[in-house]
Amino acid sequence: MSLERAAMQGRLAEAKQKGDKLKLKIEGVTRTLRTGLNTALTPPEELEIPLLDEQWDELKMAWAELQGVNSAIAHLERELR
């Protein structure tokens, strides 16, 4: 196996691990948002909109990062075929 191919496989493994972490983060943030927006639990006038807005921004950043990671994974997998 060439050194370049081994390096690409290492990068692929790292990218997949990062993708898994991002997916877990996204799941956690969406769960928190869902609970925070549940008006059956919290009356609308008591919703913590500034906090939910920060969490929404965190969700958007994690999602965008996951898109980049998924693109890198697809690229590395094509190169390793």
PDB file of N, CA and C in Angstrom:
ATOM      1  N   MET A   1       0.847  -1.170   0.000  1.00  0.00           N
ATOM      2  CA  MET A   1       0.000   0.000   0.000  1.00  0.00           C
ATOM      3  C   MET A   1       0.897   1.239   0.000  1.00  0.00           C
ATOM      4  N   SER A   2       0.530   2.197  -0.832  1.00  0.00           N
ATOM      5  CA  SER A   2       1.353   3.398  -0.908  1.00  0.00           C
ATOM      6  C   SER A   2       1.128   4.293   0.306  1.00  0.00           C
ATOM      7  N   LEU A   3       2.100   5.093   0.573  1.00  0.00           N
ATOM      8  CA  LEU A   3       2.033   6.021   1.697  1.00  0.00           C
ATOM      9  C   LEU A   3       0.901   7.033   1.499  1.00  0.00           C
ATOM     10  N   GLU A   4       0.714   7.465   0.259  1.00  0.00           N
ATOM     11  CA  GLU A   4      -0.347   8.428  -0.050  1.00  0.00           C
ATOM     12  C   GLU A   4      -1.734   7.823   0.207  1.00  0.00           C
ATOM     13  N   ARG A   5      -1.906   6.593  -0.197  1.00  0.00           N
ATOM     14  CA  ARG A   5      -3.191   5.913   0.014  1.00  0.00           C
ATOM     15  C   ARG A   5      -3.466   5.728   1.513  1.00  0.00           C
ATOM     16  N   ALA A   6      -2.457   5.381   2.275  1.00  0.00           N
ATOM     17  CA  ALA A   6      -2.613   5.213   3.719  1.00  0.00           C
ATOM     18  C   ALA A   6      -2.979   6.542   4.375  1.00  0.00           C
ATOM     19  N   ALA A   7      -2.361   7.618   3.912  1.00  0.00           N
ATOM     20  CA  ALA A   7      -2.681   8.941   4.453  1.00  0.00           C
ATOM     21  C   ALA A   7      -4.121   9.315   4.141  1.00  0.00           C
ATOM     22  N   MET A   8      -4.570   9.008   2.931  1.00  0.00           N
ATOM     23  CA  MET A   8      -5.962   9.299   2.551  1.00  0.00           C
ATOM     24  C   MET A   8      -6.938   8.478   3.388  1.00  0.00           C
ATOM     25  N   GLN A   9      -6.600   7.232   3.657  1.00  0.00           N
ATOM     26  CA  GLN A   9      -7.464   6.402   4.500  1.00  0.00           C
ATOM     27  C   GLN A   9      -7.534   6.955   5.919  1.00  0.00           C
ATOM     28  N   GLY A  10      -6.422   7.478   6.414  1.00  0.00           N
ATOM     29  CA  GLY A  10      -6.404   8.101   7.732  1.00  0.00           C
ATOM     30  C   GLY A  10      -7.277   9.349   7.761  1.00  0.00           C
ATOM     31  N   ARG A  11      -7.174  10.164   6.711  1.00  0.00           N
ATOM     32  CA  ARG A  11      -8.011  11.366   6.620  1.00  0.00           C
ATOM     33  C   ARG A  11      -9.481  10.999   6.526  1.00  0.00           C
ATOM     34  N   LEU A  12      -9.787   9.926   5.804  1.00  0.00           N
ATOM     35  CA  LEU A  12     -11.171   9.466   5.678  1.00  0.00           C
ATOM     36  C   LEU A  12     -11.712   9.026   7.033  1.00  0.00           C
ATOM     37  N   ALA A  13     -10.921   8.276   7.779  1.00  0.00           N
ATOM     38  CA  ALA A  13     -11.352   7.821   9.102  1.00  0.00           C
ATOM     39  C   ALA A  13     -11.600   9.010  10.029  1.00  0.00           C
ATOM     40  N   GLU A  14     -10.725  10.008   9.969  1.00  0.00           N
ATOM     41  CA  GLU A  14     -10.895  11.203  10.794  1.00  0.00           C
ATOM     42  C   GLU A  14     -12.144  11.974  10.399  1.00  0.00           C
ATOM     43  N   ALA A  15     -12.387  12.085   9.103  1.00  0.00           N
ATOM     44  CA  ALA A  15     -13.565  12.801   8.619  1.00  0.00           C
ATOM     45  C   ALA A  15     -14.848  12.087   9.041  1.00  0.00           C
ATOM     46  N   LYS A  16     -14.841  10.769   8.971  1.00  0.00           N
ATOM     47  CA  LYS A  16     -16.031  10.015   9.386  1.00  0.00           C
ATOM     48  C   LYS A  16     -16.278  10.185  10.885  1.00  0.00           C
ATOM     49  N   GLN A  17     -15.212  10.185  11.666  1.00  0.00           N
ATOM     50  CA  GLN A  17     -15.350  10.375  13.110  1.00  0.00           C
ATOM     51  C   GLN A  17     -15.896  11.776  13.407  1.00  0.00           C
ATOM     52  N   LYS A  18     -15.383  12.773  12.711  1.00  0.00           N
ATOM     53  CA  LYS A  18     -15.868  14.141  12.896  1.00  0.00           C
ATOM     54  C   LYS A  18     -17.340  14.243  12.485  1.00  0.00           C
ATOM     55  N   GLY A  19     -17.714  13.567  11.405  1.00  0.00           N
ATOM     56  CA  GLY A  19     -19.099  13.558  10.969  1.00  0.00           C
ATOM     57  C   GLY A  19     -20.017  12.948  12.015  1.00  0.00           C
ATOM     58  N   ASP A  20     -19.574  11.865  12.618  1.00  0.00           N
ATOM     59  CA  ASP A  20     -20.364  11.221  13.673  1.00  0.00           C
ATOM     60  C   ASP A  20     -20.556  12.156  14.863  1.00  0.00           C
ATOM     61  N   LYS A  21     -19.501  12.866  15.247  1.00  0.00           N
ATOM     62  CA  LYS A  21     -19.589  13.813  16.364  1.00  0.00           C
ATOM     63  C   LYS A  21     -20.553  14.948  16.034  1.00  0.00           C
ATOM     64  N   LEU A  22     -20.476  15.442  14.801  1.00  0.00           N
ATOM     65  CA  LEU A  22     -21.375  16.520  14.396  1.00  0.00           C
ATOM     66  C   LEU A  22     -22.833  16.062  14.383  1.00  0.00           C
ATOM     67  N   LYS A  23     -23.059  14.839  13.943  1.00  0.00           N
ATOM     68  CA  LYS A  23     -24.429  14.306  13.938  1.00  0.00           C
ATOM     69  C   LYS A  23     -24.980  14.222  15.353  1.00  0.00           C
ATOM     70  N   LEU A  24     -24.155  13.780  16.289  1.00  0.00           N
ATOM     71  CA  LEU A  24     -24.588  13.722  17.691  1.00  0.00           C
ATOM     72  C   LEU A  24     -24.874  15.121  18.233  1.00  0.00           C
ATOM     73  N   LYS A  25     -24.026  16.071  17.877  1.00  0.00           N
ATOM     74  CA  LYS A  25     -24.238  17.454  18.316  1.00  0.00           C
ATOM     75  C   LYS A  25     -25.551  17.994  17.757  1.00  0.00           C
ATOM     76  N   ILE A  26     -25.807  17.749  16.478  1.00  0.00           N
ATOM     77  CA  ILE A  26     -27.030  18.216  15.839  1.00  0.00           C
ATOM     78  C   ILE A  26     -28.248  17.586  16.499  1.00  0.00           C
ATOM     79  N   GLU A  27     -28.182  16.309  16.788  1.00  0.00           N
ATOM     80  CA  GLU A  27     -29.293  15.632  17.457  1.00  0.00           C
ATOM     81  C   GLU A  27     -29.553  16.240  18.830  1.00  0.00           C
ATOM     82  N   GLY A  28     -28.497  16.546  19.567  1.00  0.00           N
ATOM     83  CA  GLY A  28     -28.658  17.140  20.894  1.00  0.00           C
ATOM     84  C   GLY A  28     -29.267  18.534  20.833  1.00  0.00           C
ATOM     85  N   VAL A  29     -28.774  19.342  19.898  1.00  0.00           N
ATOM     86  CA  VAL A  29     -29.290  20.705  19.777  1.00  0.00           C
ATOM     87  C   VAL A  29     -30.750  20.684  19.323  1.00  0.00           C
ATOM     88  N   THR A  30     -31.079  19.821  18.376  1.00  0.00           N
ATOM     89  CA  THR A  30     -32.475  19.765  17.925  1.00  0.00           C
ATOM     90  C   THR A  30     -33.395  19.303  19.050  1.00  0.00           C
ATOM     91  N   ARG A  31     -32.923  18.396  19.866  1.00  0.00           N
ATOM     92  CA  ARG A  31     -33.723  17.938  21.007  1.00  0.00           C
ATOM     93  C   ARG A  31     -33.969  19.094  21.980  1.00  0.00           C
ATOM     94  N   THR A  32     -32.923  19.873  22.238  1.00  0.00           N
ATOM     95  CA  THR A  32     -33.039  21.028  23.133  1.00  0.00           C
ATOM     96  C   THR A  32     -33.984  22.077  22.547  1.00  0.00           C
ATOM     97  N   LEU A  33     -33.850  22.341  21.254  1.00  0.00           N
ATOM     98  CA  LEU A  33     -34.743  23.296  20.600  1.00  0.00           C
ATOM     99  C   LEU A  33     -36.191  22.829  20.651  1.00  0.00           C
ATOM    100  N   ARG A  34     -36.391  21.574  20.366  1.00  0.00           N
ATOM    101  CA  ARG A  34     -37.753  21.016  20.373  1.00  0.00           C
ATOM    102  C   ARG A  34     -38.393  21.182  21.745  1.00  0.00           C
ATOM    103  N   THR A  35     -37.642  20.893  22.783  1.00  0.00           N
ATOM    104  CA  THR A  35     -38.152  21.046  24.143  1.00  0.00           C
ATOM    105  C   THR A  35     -38.390  22.519  24.462  1.00  0.00           C
ATOM    106  N   GLY A  36     -37.458  23.370  24.061  1.00  0.00           N
ATOM    107  CA  GLY A  36     -37.576  24.797  24.342  1.00  0.00           C
ATOM    108  C   GLY A  36     -38.719  25.471  23.626  1.00  0.00           C
ATOM    109  N   LEU A  37     -39.141  24.898  22.496  1.00  0.00           N
ATOM    110  CA  LEU A  37     -40.237  25.474  21.716  1.00  0.00           C
ATOM    111  C   LEU A  37     -41.586  24.828  22.011  1.00  0.00           C
ATOM    112  N   ASN A  38     -41.602  23.889  22.910  1.00  0.00           N
ATOM    113  CA  ASN A  38     -42.841  23.171  23.215  1.00  0.00           C
ATOM    114  C   ASN A  38     -43.743  24.054  24.083  1.00  0.00           C
ATOM    115  N   THR A  39     -44.755  24.632  23.456  1.00  0.00           N
ATOM    116  CA  THR A  39     -45.648  25.531  24.188  1.00  0.00           C
ATOM    117  C   THR A  39     -46.622  24.770  25.087  1.00  0.00           C
ATOM    118  N   ALA A  40     -46.624  23.465  25.002  1.00  0.00           N
ATOM    119  CA  ALA A  40     -47.409  22.677  25.952  1.00  0.00           C
ATOM    120  C   ALA A  40     -46.702  22.658  27.308  1.00  0.00           C
ATOM    121  N   LEU A  41     -45.377  22.830  27.281  1.00  0.00           N
ATOM    122  CA  LEU A  41     -44.591  22.854  28.515  1.00  0.00           C
ATOM    123  C   LEU A  41     -44.315  24.273  28.996  1.00  0.00           C
ATOM    124  N   THR A  42     -44.141  25.187  28.041  1.00  0.00           N
ATOM    125  CA  THR A  42     -43.787  26.570  28.358  1.00  0.00           C
ATOM    126  C   THR A  42     -44.740  27.509  27.633  1.00  0.00           C
ATOM    127  N   PRO A  43     -45.427  28.363  28.357  1.00  0.00           N
ATOM    128  CA  PRO A  43     -46.314  29.330  27.691  1.00  0.00           C
ATOM    129  C   PRO A  43     -45.513  30.215  26.726  1.00  0.00           C
ATOM    130  N   PRO A  44     -46.108  30.622  25.622  1.00  0.00           N
ATOM    131  CA  PRO A  44     -45.385  31.414  24.617  1.00  0.00           C
ATOM    132  C   PRO A  44     -44.681  32.647  25.186  1.00  0.00           C
ATOM    133  N   GLU A  45     -45.301  33.328  26.136  1.00  0.00           N
ATOM    134  CA  GLU A  45     -44.682  34.540  26.678  1.00  0.00           C
ATOM    135  C   GLU A  45     -43.468  34.236  27.553  1.00  0.00           C
ATOM    136  N   GLU A  46     -43.273  32.968  27.916  1.00  0.00           N
ATOM    137  CA  GLU A  46     -42.131  32.585  28.744  1.00  0.00           C
ATOM    138  C   GLU A  46     -41.033  31.867  27.948  1.00  0.00           C
ATOM    139  N   LEU A  47     -41.201  31.745  26.643  1.00  0.00           N
ATOM    140  CA  LEU A  47     -40.175  31.108  25.817  1.00  0.00           C
ATOM    141  C   LEU A  47     -38.877  31.900  25.903  1.00  0.00           C
ATOM    142  N   GLU A  48     -37.786  31.192  25.995  1.00  0.00           N
ATOM    143  CA  GLU A  48     -36.468  31.832  26.087  1.00  0.00           C
ATOM    144  C   GLU A  48     -35.902  32.026  24.679  1.00  0.00           C
ATOM    145  N   ILE A  49     -36.493  32.963  23.960  1.00  0.00           N
ATOM    146  CA  ILE A  49     -36.151  33.177  22.554  1.00  0.00           C
ATOM    147  C   ILE A  49     -34.672  33.536  22.359  1.00  0.00           C
ATOM    148  N   PRO A  50     -34.066  34.411  23.153  1.00  0.00           N
ATOM    149  CA  PRO A  50     -32.632  34.687  22.932  1.00  0.00           C
ATOM    150  C   PRO A  50     -31.769  33.427  23.057  1.00  0.00           C
ATOM    151  N   LEU A  51     -32.050  32.586  24.024  1.00  0.00           N
ATOM    152  CA  LEU A  51     -31.302  31.339  24.188  1.00  0.00           C
ATOM    153  C   LEU A  51     -31.572  30.398  23.019  1.00  0.00           C
ATOM    154  N   LEU A  52     -32.822  30.286  22.615  1.00  0.00           N
ATOM    155  CA  LEU A  52     -33.175  29.424  21.485  1.00  0.00           C
ATOM    156  C   LEU A  52     -32.517  29.929  20.200  1.00  0.00           C
ATOM    157  N   ASP A  53     -32.403  31.243  20.065  1.00  0.00           N
ATOM    158  CA  ASP A  53     -31.756  31.818  18.889  1.00  0.00           C
ATOM    159  C   ASP A  53     -30.277  31.428  18.840  1.00  0.00           C
ATOM    160  N   GLU A  54     -29.612  31.457  19.987  1.00  0.00           N
ATOM    161  CA  GLU A  54     -28.203  31.032  20.044  1.00  0.00           C
ATOM    162  C   GLU A  54     -28.075  29.563  19.678  1.00  0.00           C
ATOM    163  N   GLN A  55     -28.998  28.754  20.176  1.00  0.00           N
ATOM    164  CA  GLN A  55     -28.961  27.324  19.870  1.00  0.00           C
ATOM    165  C   GLN A  55     -29.239  27.087  18.389  1.00  0.00           C
ATOM    166  N   TRP A  56     -30.115  27.875  17.806  1.00  0.00           N
ATOM    167  CA  TRP A  56     -30.404  27.751  16.372  1.00  0.00           C
ATOM    168  C   TRP A  56     -29.140  28.066  15.566  1.00  0.00           C
ATOM    169  N   ASP A  57     -28.415  29.126  15.968  1.00  0.00           N
ATOM    170  CA  ASP A  57     -27.162  29.460  15.293  1.00  0.00           C
ATOM    171  C   ASP A  57     -26.161  28.314  15.407  1.00  0.00           C
ATOM    172  N   GLU A  58     -26.099  27.705  16.578  1.00  0.00           N
ATOM    173  CA  GLU A  58     -25.203  26.562  16.784  1.00  0.00           C
ATOM    174  C   GLU A  58     -25.594  25.401  15.861  1.00  0.00           C
ATOM    175  N   LEU A  59     -26.890  25.191  15.719  1.00  0.00           N
ATOM    176  CA  LEU A  59     -27.386  24.132  14.827  1.00  0.00           C
ATOM    177  C   LEU A  59     -26.994  24.418  13.380  1.00  0.00           C
ATOM    178  N   LYS A  60     -27.161  25.656  12.947  1.00  0.00           N
ATOM    179  CA  LYS A  60     -26.810  26.021  11.571  1.00  0.00           C
ATOM    180  C   LYS A  60     -25.321  25.820  11.306  1.00  0.00           C
ATOM    181  N   MET A  61     -24.485  26.215  12.276  1.00  0.00           N
ATOM    182  CA  MET A  61     -23.037  26.065  12.083  1.00  0.00           C
ATOM    183  C   MET A  61     -22.643  24.589  12.027  1.00  0.00           C
ATOM    184  N   ALA A  62     -23.216  23.776  12.900  1.00  0.00           N
ATOM    185  CA  ALA A  62     -22.900  22.340  12.902  1.00  0.00           C
ATOM    186  C   ALA A  62     -23.377  21.697  11.610  1.00  0.00           C
ATOM    187  N   TRP A  63     -24.555  22.103  11.136  1.00  0.00           N
ATOM    188  CA  TRP A  63     -25.100  21.539   9.892  1.00  0.00           C
ATOM    189  C   TRP A  63     -24.195  21.901   8.713  1.00  0.00           C
ATOM    190  N   ALA A  64     -23.773  23.175   8.644  1.00  0.00           N
ATOM    191  CA  ALA A  64     -22.899  23.599   7.555  1.00  0.00           C
ATOM    192  C   ALA A  64     -21.568  22.850   7.605  1.00  0.00           C
ATOM    193  N   GLU A  65     -21.038  22.672   8.795  1.00  0.00           N
ATOM    194  CA  GLU A  65     -19.782  21.938   8.943  1.00  0.00           C
ATOM    195  C   GLU A  65     -19.962  20.486   8.516  1.00  0.00           C
ATOM    196  N   LEU A  66     -21.108  19.891   8.850  1.00  0.00           N
ATOM    197  CA  LEU A  66     -21.375  18.513   8.453  1.00  0.00           C
ATOM    198  C   LEU A  66     -21.453  18.389   6.934  1.00  0.00           C
ATOM    199  N   GLN A  67     -22.013  19.389   6.267  1.00  0.00           N
ATOM    200  CA  GLN A  67     -22.070  19.355   4.800  1.00  0.00           C
ATOM    201  C   GLN A  67     -20.663  19.312   4.218  1.00  0.00           C
ATOM    202  N   GLY A  68     -19.760  20.116   4.782  1.00  0.00           N
ATOM    203  CA  GLY A  68     -18.367  20.108   4.319  1.00  0.00           C
ATOM    204  C   GLY A  68     -17.680  18.787   4.588  1.00  0.00           C
ATOM    205  N   VAL A  69     -17.916  18.228   5.756  1.00  0.00           N
ATOM    206  CA  VAL A  69     -17.316  16.940   6.106  1.00  0.00           C
ATOM    207  C   VAL A  69     -17.842  15.846   5.177  1.00  0.00           C
ATOM    208  N   ASN A  70     -19.144  15.850   4.926  1.00  0.00           N
ATOM    209  CA  ASN A  70     -19.721  14.843   4.026  1.00  0.00           C
ATOM    210  C   ASN A  70     -19.154  14.968   2.621  1.00  0.00           C
ATOM    211  N   SER A  71     -18.915  16.189   2.179  1.00  0.00           N
ATOM    212  CA  SER A  71     -18.313  16.408   0.871  1.00  0.00           C
ATOM    213  C   SER A  71     -16.887  15.860   0.842  1.00  0.00           C
ATOM    214  N   ALA A  72     -16.135  16.098   1.906  1.00  0.00           N
ATOM    215  CA  ALA A  72     -14.759  15.587   1.986  1.00  0.00           C
ATOM    216  C   ALA A  72     -14.752  14.067   2.013  1.00  0.00           C
ATOM    217  N   ILE A  73     -15.693  13.479   2.741  1.00  0.00           N
ATOM    218  CA  ILE A  73     -15.786  12.016   2.804  1.00  0.00           C
ATOM    219  C   ILE A  73     -16.059  11.455   1.416  1.00  0.00           C
ATOM    220  N   ALA A  74     -17.012  12.040   0.709  1.00  0.00           N
ATOM    221  CA  ALA A  74     -17.345  11.560  -0.634  1.00  0.00           C
ATOM    222  C   ALA A  74     -16.134  11.675  -1.564  1.00  0.00           C
ATOM    223  N   HIS A  75     -15.419  12.791  -1.455  1.00  0.00           N
ATOM    224  CA  HIS A  75     -14.231  12.992  -2.293  1.00  0.00           C
ATOM    225  C   HIS A  75     -13.159  11.939  -1.985  1.00  0.00           C
ATOM    226  N   LEU A  76     -12.882  11.722  -0.707  1.00  0.00           N
ATOM    227  CA  LEU A  76     -11.858  10.744  -0.327  1.00  0.00           C
ATOM    228  C   LEU A  76     -12.263   9.327  -0.748  1.00  0.00           C
ATOM    229  N   GLU A  77     -13.530   9.002  -0.595  1.00  0.00           N
ATOM    230  CA  GLU A  77     -13.980   7.664  -1.002  1.00  0.00           C
ATOM    231  C   GLU A  77     -13.839   7.464  -2.518  1.00  0.00           C
ATOM    232  N   ARG A  78     -14.124   8.528  -3.297  1.00  0.00           N
ATOM    233  CA  ARG A  78     -13.937   8.410  -4.749  1.00  0.00           C
ATOM    234  C   ARG A  78     -12.466   8.197  -5.086  1.00  0.00           C
ATOM    235  N   GLU A  79     -11.599   8.931  -4.400  1.00  0.00           N
ATOM    236  CA  GLU A  79     -10.157   8.823  -4.668  1.00  0.00           C
ATOM    237  C   GLU A  79      -9.603   7.446  -4.275  1.00  0.00           C
ATOM    238  N   LEU A  80     -10.212   6.828  -3.297  1.00  0.00           N
ATOM    239  CA  LEU A  80      -9.694   5.525  -2.829  1.00  0.00           C
ATOM    240  C   LEU A  80     -10.228   4.340  -3.623  1.00  0.00           C
ATOM    241  N   ARG A  81     -11.130   4.560  -4.521  1.00  0.00           N
ATOM    242  CA  ARG A  81     -11.663   3.442  -5.325  1.00  0.00           C
ATOM    243  C   ARG A  81     -10.647   2.934  -6.301  1.00  0.00           C
TER     244      ARG A  81
END
